[in-house]
Amino acid sequence: DAYAQRIDARVVATERSESGNPLVVLDR
């Protein structure tokens, strides 16, 4: 659905990129 713009989600994981920026994985 290319027109989906805004949804609720849950954070399932966080880590760091090689440059040190936060990375966030969501369940959707």
PDB file of all heavy atoms in Angstrom:
ATOM      1  N   ASP A   1       0.857  -1.187   0.000  1.00  0.00           N
ATOM      2  CA  ASP A   1       0.000   0.000   0.000  1.00  0.00           C
ATOM      3  C   ASP A   1       0.894   1.238   0.000  1.00  0.00           C
ATOM      4  O   ASP A   1       1.294   1.731   1.056  1.00  0.00           O
ATOM      5  CB  ASP A   1      -0.925   0.006   1.205  1.00  0.00           C
ATOM      6  CG  ASP A   1      -1.866   1.206   1.225  1.00  0.00           C
ATOM      7  OD1 ASP A   1      -1.874   1.988   0.240  1.00  0.00           O
ATOM      8  OD2 ASP A   1      -2.605   1.375   2.222  1.00  0.00           O
ATOM      9  N   ALA A   2       1.196   1.735  -1.188  1.00  0.00           N
ATOM     10  CA  ALA A   2       2.096   2.883  -1.301  1.00  0.00           C
ATOM     11  C   ALA A   2       1.495   4.150  -0.713  1.00  0.00           C
ATOM     12  O   ALA A   2       2.216   5.125  -0.466  1.00  0.00           O
ATOM     13  CB  ALA A   2       2.462   3.112  -2.763  1.00  0.00           C
ATOM     14  N   TYR A   3       0.170   4.166  -0.472  1.00  0.00           N
ATOM     15  CA  TYR A   3      -0.498   5.356   0.041  1.00  0.00           C
ATOM     16  C   TYR A   3      -0.603   5.375   1.569  1.00  0.00           C
ATOM     17  O   TYR A   3      -1.106   6.349   2.133  1.00  0.00           O
ATOM     18  CB  TYR A   3      -1.890   5.484  -0.585  1.00  0.00           C
ATOM     19  CG  TYR A   3      -1.826   5.833  -2.061  1.00  0.00           C
ATOM     20  CD1 TYR A   3      -1.652   4.841  -3.015  1.00  0.00           C
ATOM     21  CD2 TYR A   3      -1.913   7.151  -2.485  1.00  0.00           C
ATOM     22  CE1 TYR A   3      -1.574   5.148  -4.370  1.00  0.00           C
ATOM     23  CE2 TYR A   3      -1.841   7.473  -3.839  1.00  0.00           C
ATOM     24  CZ  TYR A   3      -1.667   6.466  -4.769  1.00  0.00           C
ATOM     25  OH  TYR A   3      -1.577   6.778  -6.109  1.00  0.00           O
ATOM     26  N   ALA A   4      -0.139   4.323   2.239  1.00  0.00           N
ATOM     27  CA  ALA A   4      -0.129   4.310   3.707  1.00  0.00           C
ATOM     28  C   ALA A   4       0.913   5.311   4.194  1.00  0.00           C
ATOM     29  O   ALA A   4       2.085   5.219   3.832  1.00  0.00           O
ATOM     30  CB  ALA A   4       0.176   2.910   4.219  1.00  0.00           C
ATOM     31  N   GLN A   5       0.478   6.255   5.024  1.00  0.00           N
ATOM     32  CA  GLN A   5       1.353   7.356   5.436  1.00  0.00           C
ATOM     33  C   GLN A   5       1.696   7.341   6.918  1.00  0.00           C
ATOM     34  O   GLN A   5       2.777   7.797   7.308  1.00  0.00           O
ATOM     35  CB  GLN A   5       0.678   8.698   5.131  1.00  0.00           C
ATOM     36  CG  GLN A   5       0.270   8.873   3.700  1.00  0.00           C
ATOM     37  CD  GLN A   5      -0.538  10.138   3.500  1.00  0.00           C
ATOM     38  OE1 GLN A   5      -0.283  11.173   4.122  1.00  0.00           O
ATOM     39  NE2 GLN A   5      -1.539  10.081   2.632  1.00  0.00           N
ATOM     40  N   ARG A   6       0.785   6.822   7.745  1.00  0.00           N
ATOM     41  CA  ARG A   6       0.939   6.979   9.193  1.00  0.00           C
ATOM     42  C   ARG A   6       0.317   5.763   9.872  1.00  0.00           C
ATOM     43  O   ARG A   6      -0.848   5.442   9.625  1.00  0.00           O
ATOM     44  CB  ARG A   6       0.230   8.268   9.645  1.00  0.00           C
ATOM     45  CG  ARG A   6       0.344   8.614  11.105  1.00  0.00           C
ATOM     46  CD  ARG A   6      -0.442   9.887  11.379  1.00  0.00           C
ATOM     47  NE  ARG A   6      -0.512  10.217  12.790  1.00  0.00           N
ATOM     48  CZ  ARG A   6       0.280  11.092  13.396  1.00  0.00           C
ATOM     49  NH1 ARG A   6       1.193  11.748  12.704  1.00  0.00           N
ATOM     50  NH2 ARG A   6       0.139  11.338  14.690  1.00  0.00           N
ATOM     51  N   ILE A   7       1.086   5.083  10.701  1.00  0.00           N
ATOM     52  CA  ILE A   7       0.586   3.917  11.429  1.00  0.00           C
ATOM     53  C   ILE A   7       1.193   3.880  12.827  1.00  0.00           C
ATOM     54  O   ILE A   7       2.214   4.517  13.092  1.00  0.00           O
ATOM     55  CB  ILE A   7       0.924   2.587  10.711  1.00  0.00           C
ATOM     56  CG1 ILE A   7       2.441   2.416  10.577  1.00  0.00           C
ATOM     57  CG2 ILE A   7       0.224   2.471   9.374  1.00  0.00           C
ATOM     58  CD1 ILE A   7       2.858   1.015  10.202  1.00  0.00           C
ATOM     59  N   ASP A   8       0.558   3.119  13.696  1.00  0.00           N
ATOM     60  CA  ASP A   8       1.131   2.817  15.009  1.00  0.00           C
ATOM     61  C   ASP A   8       1.969   1.549  14.916  1.00  0.00           C
ATOM     62  O   ASP A   8       1.656   0.639  14.141  1.00  0.00           O
ATOM     63  CB  ASP A   8       0.028   2.630  16.052  1.00  0.00           C
ATOM     64  CG  ASP A   8      -0.738   3.916  16.324  1.00  0.00           C
ATOM     65  OD1 ASP A   8      -0.139   5.001  16.163  1.00  0.00           O
ATOM     66  OD2 ASP A   8      -1.928   3.835  16.679  1.00  0.00           O
ATOM     67  N   ALA A   9       3.030   1.492  15.701  1.00  0.00           N
ATOM     68  CA  ALA A   9       3.939   0.349  15.651  1.00  0.00           C
ATOM     69  C   ALA A   9       4.583   0.165  17.019  1.00  0.00           C
ATOM     70  O   ALA A   9       4.421   0.995  17.926  1.00  0.00           O
ATOM     71  CB  ALA A   9       5.010   0.563  14.585  1.00  0.00           C
ATOM     72  N   ARG A  10       5.321  -0.932  17.153  1.00  0.00           N
ATOM     73  CA  ARG A  10       6.030  -1.230  18.398  1.00  0.00           C
ATOM     74  C   ARG A  10       7.515  -1.404  18.087  1.00  0.00           C
ATOM     75  O   ARG A  10       7.882  -2.031  17.083  1.00  0.00           O
ATOM     76  CB  ARG A  10       5.462  -2.497  19.045  1.00  0.00           C
ATOM     77  CG  ARG A  10       6.096  -2.866  20.387  1.00  0.00           C
ATOM     78  CD  ARG A  10       5.356  -4.043  21.008  1.00  0.00           C
ATOM     79  NE  ARG A  10       5.367  -5.190  20.100  1.00  0.00           N
ATOM     80  CZ  ARG A  10       6.373  -6.075  20.027  1.00  0.00           C
ATOM     81  NH1 ARG A  10       7.441  -5.924  20.798  1.00  0.00           N
ATOM     82  NH2 ARG A  10       6.292  -7.090  19.192  1.00  0.00           N
ATOM     83  N   VAL A  11       8.357  -0.849  18.932  1.00  0.00           N
ATOM     84  CA  VAL A  11       9.804  -0.989  18.766  1.00  0.00           C
ATOM     85  C   VAL A  11      10.219  -2.404  19.181  1.00  0.00           C
ATOM     86  O   VAL A  11       9.930  -2.835  20.297  1.00  0.00           O
ATOM     87  CB  VAL A  11      10.563   0.056  19.606  1.00  0.00           C
ATOM     88  CG1 VAL A  11      12.073  -0.128  19.464  1.00  0.00           C
ATOM     89  CG2 VAL A  11      10.154   1.466  19.219  1.00  0.00           C
ATOM     90  N   VAL A  12      10.888  -3.120  18.265  1.00  0.00           N
ATOM     91  CA  VAL A  12      11.301  -4.492  18.573  1.00  0.00           C
ATOM     92  C   VAL A  12      12.809  -4.621  18.756  1.00  0.00           C
ATOM     93  O   VAL A  12      13.286  -5.610  19.323  1.00  0.00           O
ATOM     94  CB  VAL A  12      10.824  -5.487  17.499  1.00  0.00           C
ATOM     95  CG1 VAL A  12       9.311  -5.529  17.443  1.00  0.00           C
ATOM     96  CG2 VAL A  12      11.390  -5.141  16.121  1.00  0.00           C
ATOM     97  N   ALA A  13      13.581  -3.637  18.291  1.00  0.00           N
ATOM     98  CA  ALA A  13      15.033  -3.698  18.470  1.00  0.00           C
ATOM     99  C   ALA A  13      15.633  -2.321  18.220  1.00  0.00           C
ATOM    100  O   ALA A  13      15.086  -1.511  17.461  1.00  0.00           O
ATOM    101  CB  ALA A  13      15.660  -4.717  17.508  1.00  0.00           C
ATOM    102  N   THR A  14      16.757  -2.040  18.871  1.00  0.00           N
ATOM    103  CA  THR A  14      17.543  -0.838  18.594  1.00  0.00           C
ATOM    104  C   THR A  14      19.010  -1.225  18.552  1.00  0.00           C
ATOM    105  O   THR A  14      19.434  -2.178  19.219  1.00  0.00           O
ATOM    106  CB  THR A  14      17.338   0.253  19.671  1.00  0.00           C
ATOM    107  OG1 THR A  14      17.737  -0.254  20.943  1.00  0.00           O
ATOM    108  CG2 THR A  14      15.881   0.693  19.739  1.00  0.00           C
ATOM    109  N   GLU A  15      19.777  -0.500  17.747  1.00  0.00           N
ATOM    110  CA  GLU A  15      21.222  -0.728  17.658  1.00  0.00           C
ATOM    111  C   GLU A  15      21.868   0.546  17.167  1.00  0.00           C
ATOM    112  O   GLU A  15      21.248   1.604  17.148  1.00  0.00           O
ATOM    113  CB  GLU A  15      21.513  -1.908  16.719  1.00  0.00           C
ATOM    114  CG  GLU A  15      20.789  -1.825  15.374  1.00  0.00           C
ATOM    115  CD  GLU A  15      20.898  -3.116  14.586  1.00  0.00           C
ATOM    116  OE1 GLU A  15      21.929  -3.272  13.906  1.00  0.00           O
ATOM    117  OE2 GLU A  15      19.953  -3.931  14.649  1.00  0.00           O
ATOM    118  N   ARG A  16      23.135   0.468  16.763  1.00  0.00           N
ATOM    119  CA  ARG A  16      23.854   1.631  16.270  1.00  0.00           C
ATOM    120  C   ARG A  16      24.412   1.365  14.884  1.00  0.00           C
ATOM    121  O   ARG A  16      24.854   0.258  14.586  1.00  0.00           O
ATOM    122  CB  ARG A  16      25.011   1.977  17.217  1.00  0.00           C
ATOM    123  CG  ARG A  16      24.581   2.447  18.589  1.00  0.00           C
ATOM    124  CD  ARG A  16      24.274   3.929  18.591  1.00  0.00           C
ATOM    125  NE  ARG A  16      23.756   4.375  19.880  1.00  0.00           N
ATOM    126  CZ  ARG A  16      23.415   5.624  20.154  1.00  0.00           C
ATOM    127  NH1 ARG A  16      23.528   6.554  19.212  1.00  0.00           N
ATOM    128  NH2 ARG A  16      22.945   5.959  21.330  1.00  0.00           N
ATOM    129  N   SER A  17      24.408   2.408  14.048  1.00  0.00           N
ATOM    130  CA  SER A  17      25.039   2.297  12.746  1.00  0.00           C
ATOM    131  C   SER A  17      26.548   2.415  12.904  1.00  0.00           C
ATOM    132  O   SER A  17      27.061   2.739  13.981  1.00  0.00           O
ATOM    133  CB  SER A  17      24.524   3.400  11.820  1.00  0.00           C
ATOM    134  OG  SER A  17      24.994   4.671  12.261  1.00  0.00           O
ATOM    135  N   GLU A  18      27.277   2.174  11.832  1.00  0.00           N
ATOM    136  CA  GLU A  18      28.727   2.302  11.869  1.00  0.00           C
ATOM    137  C   GLU A  18      29.152   3.723  12.206  1.00  0.00           C
ATOM    138  O   GLU A  18      30.210   3.939  12.805  1.00  0.00           O
ATOM    139  CB  GLU A  18      29.326   1.882  10.526  1.00  0.00           C
ATOM    140  CG  GLU A  18      29.186   0.388  10.233  1.00  0.00           C
ATOM    141  CD  GLU A  18      29.847  -0.003   8.932  1.00  0.00           C
ATOM    142  OE1 GLU A  18      30.397   0.906   8.245  1.00  0.00           O
ATOM    143  OE2 GLU A  18      29.819  -1.199   8.592  1.00  0.00           O
ATOM    144  N   SER A  19      28.320   4.700  11.842  1.00  0.00           N
ATOM    145  CA  SER A  19      28.624   6.093  12.152  1.00  0.00           C
ATOM    146  C   SER A  19      28.168   6.500  13.544  1.00  0.00           C
ATOM    147  O   SER A  19      28.379   7.639  13.971  1.00  0.00           O
ATOM    148  CB  SER A  19      27.986   7.007  11.114  1.00  0.00           C
ATOM    149  OG  SER A  19      26.584   6.852  11.106  1.00  0.00           O
ATOM    150  N   GLY A  20      27.505   5.573  14.247  1.00  0.00           N
ATOM    151  CA  GLY A  20      27.083   5.846  15.613  1.00  0.00           C
ATOM    152  C   GLY A  20      25.665   6.326  15.762  1.00  0.00           C
ATOM    153  O   GLY A  20      25.204   6.570  16.888  1.00  0.00           O
ATOM    154  N   ASN A  21      24.930   6.462  14.658  1.00  0.00           N
ATOM    155  CA  ASN A  21      23.539   6.913  14.755  1.00  0.00           C
ATOM    156  C   ASN A  21      22.633   5.769  15.201  1.00  0.00           C
ATOM    157  O   ASN A  21      22.867   4.610  14.852  1.00  0.00           O
ATOM    158  CB  ASN A  21      23.059   7.439  13.401  1.00  0.00           C
ATOM    159  CG  ASN A  21      23.736   8.731  13.010  1.00  0.00           C
ATOM    160  OD1 ASN A  21      24.096   9.546  13.860  1.00  0.00           O
ATOM    161  ND2 ASN A  21      23.930   8.930  11.719  1.00  0.00           N
ATOM    162  N   PRO A  22      21.586   6.084  15.957  1.00  0.00           N
ATOM    163  CA  PRO A  22      20.659   5.035  16.406  1.00  0.00           C
ATOM    164  C   PRO A  22      19.887   4.426  15.238  1.00  0.00           C
ATOM    165  O   PRO A  22      19.473   5.130  14.312  1.00  0.00           O
ATOM    166  CB  PRO A  22      19.711   5.774  17.365  1.00  0.00           C
ATOM    167  CG  PRO A  22      20.422   7.039  17.742  1.00  0.00           C
ATOM    168  CD  PRO A  22      21.257   7.403  16.551  1.00  0.00           C
ATOM    169  N   LEU A  23      19.680   3.126  15.318  1.00  0.00           N
ATOM    170  CA  LEU A  23      18.882   2.383  14.354  1.00  0.00           C
ATOM    171  C   LEU A  23      17.713   1.750  15.084  1.00  0.00           C
ATOM    172  O   LEU A  23      17.890   1.182  16.170  1.00  0.00           O
ATOM    173  CB  LEU A  23      19.721   1.295  13.673  1.00  0.00           C
ATOM    174  CG  LEU A  23      20.978   1.753  12.934  1.00  0.00           C
ATOM    175  CD1 LEU A  23      21.762   0.546  12.444  1.00  0.00           C
ATOM    176  CD2 LEU A  23      20.617   2.665  11.769  1.00  0.00           C
ATOM    177  N   VAL A  24      16.530   1.825  14.500  1.00  0.00           N
ATOM    178  CA  VAL A  24      15.322   1.332  15.159  1.00  0.00           C
ATOM    179  C   VAL A  24      14.614   0.359  14.221  1.00  0.00           C
ATOM    180  O   VAL A  24      14.395   0.662  13.042  1.00  0.00           O
ATOM    181  CB  VAL A  24      14.373   2.499  15.516  1.00  0.00           C
ATOM    182  CG1 VAL A  24      13.086   1.973  16.139  1.00  0.00           C
ATOM    183  CG2 VAL A  24      15.067   3.485  16.447  1.00  0.00           C
ATOM    184  N   VAL A  25      14.255  -0.816  14.764  1.00  0.00           N
ATOM    185  CA  VAL A  25      13.469  -1.806  14.032  1.00  0.00           C
ATOM    186  C   VAL A  25      12.085  -1.865  14.660  1.00  0.00           C
ATOM    187  O   VAL A  25      11.958  -1.930  15.890  1.00  0.00           O
ATOM    188  CB  VAL A  25      14.137  -3.195  14.075  1.00  0.00           C
ATOM    189  CG1 VAL A  25      13.307  -4.215  13.281  1.00  0.00           C
ATOM    190  CG2 VAL A  25      15.555  -3.127  13.517  1.00  0.00           C
ATOM    191  N   LEU A  26      11.049  -1.838  13.823  1.00  0.00           N
ATOM    192  CA  LEU A  26       9.664  -1.823  14.278  1.00  0.00           C
ATOM    193  C   LEU A  26       8.942  -3.077  13.822  1.00  0.00           C
ATOM    194  O   LEU A  26       9.356  -3.737  12.869  1.00  0.00           O
ATOM    195  CB  LEU A  26       8.959  -0.590  13.714  1.00  0.00           C
ATOM    196  CG  LEU A  26       9.626   0.760  14.009  1.00  0.00           C
ATOM    197  CD1 LEU A  26       9.035   1.844  13.126  1.00  0.00           C
ATOM    198  CD2 LEU A  26       9.480   1.113  15.477  1.00  0.00           C
ATOM    199  N   ASP A  27       7.831  -3.387  14.504  1.00  0.00           N
ATOM    200  CA  ASP A  27       7.070  -4.570  14.087  1.00  0.00           C
ATOM    201  C   ASP A  27       6.249  -4.320  12.827  1.00  0.00           C
ATOM    202  O   ASP A  27       5.787  -5.260  12.182  1.00  0.00           O
ATOM    203  CB  ASP A  27       6.179  -5.075  15.226  1.00  0.00           C
ATOM    204  CG  ASP A  27       5.031  -4.124  15.566  1.00  0.00           C
ATOM    205  OD1 ASP A  27       5.145  -2.915  15.247  1.00  0.00           O
ATOM    206  OD2 ASP A  27       4.034  -4.578  16.145  1.00  0.00           O
ATOM    207  N   ARG A  28       6.091  -3.046  12.435  1.00  0.00           N
ATOM    208  CA  ARG A  28       5.434  -2.692  11.178  1.00  0.00           C
ATOM    209  C   ARG A  28       5.867  -1.286  10.799  1.00  0.00           C
ATOM    210  O   ARG A  28       6.161  -0.458  11.679  1.00  0.00           O
ATOM    211  CB  ARG A  28       3.915  -2.817  11.276  1.00  0.00           C
ATOM    212  CG  ARG A  28       3.268  -1.968  12.341  1.00  0.00           C
ATOM    213  CD  ARG A  28       1.896  -2.498  12.757  1.00  0.00           C
ATOM    214  NE  ARG A  28       0.977  -2.595  11.652  1.00  0.00           N
ATOM    215  CZ  ARG A  28      -0.035  -1.754  11.421  1.00  0.00           C
ATOM    216  NH1 ARG A  28      -0.230  -0.711  12.238  1.00  0.00           N
ATOM    217  NH2 ARG A  28      -0.853  -1.939  10.427  1.00  0.00           N
TER     218      ARG A  28
END
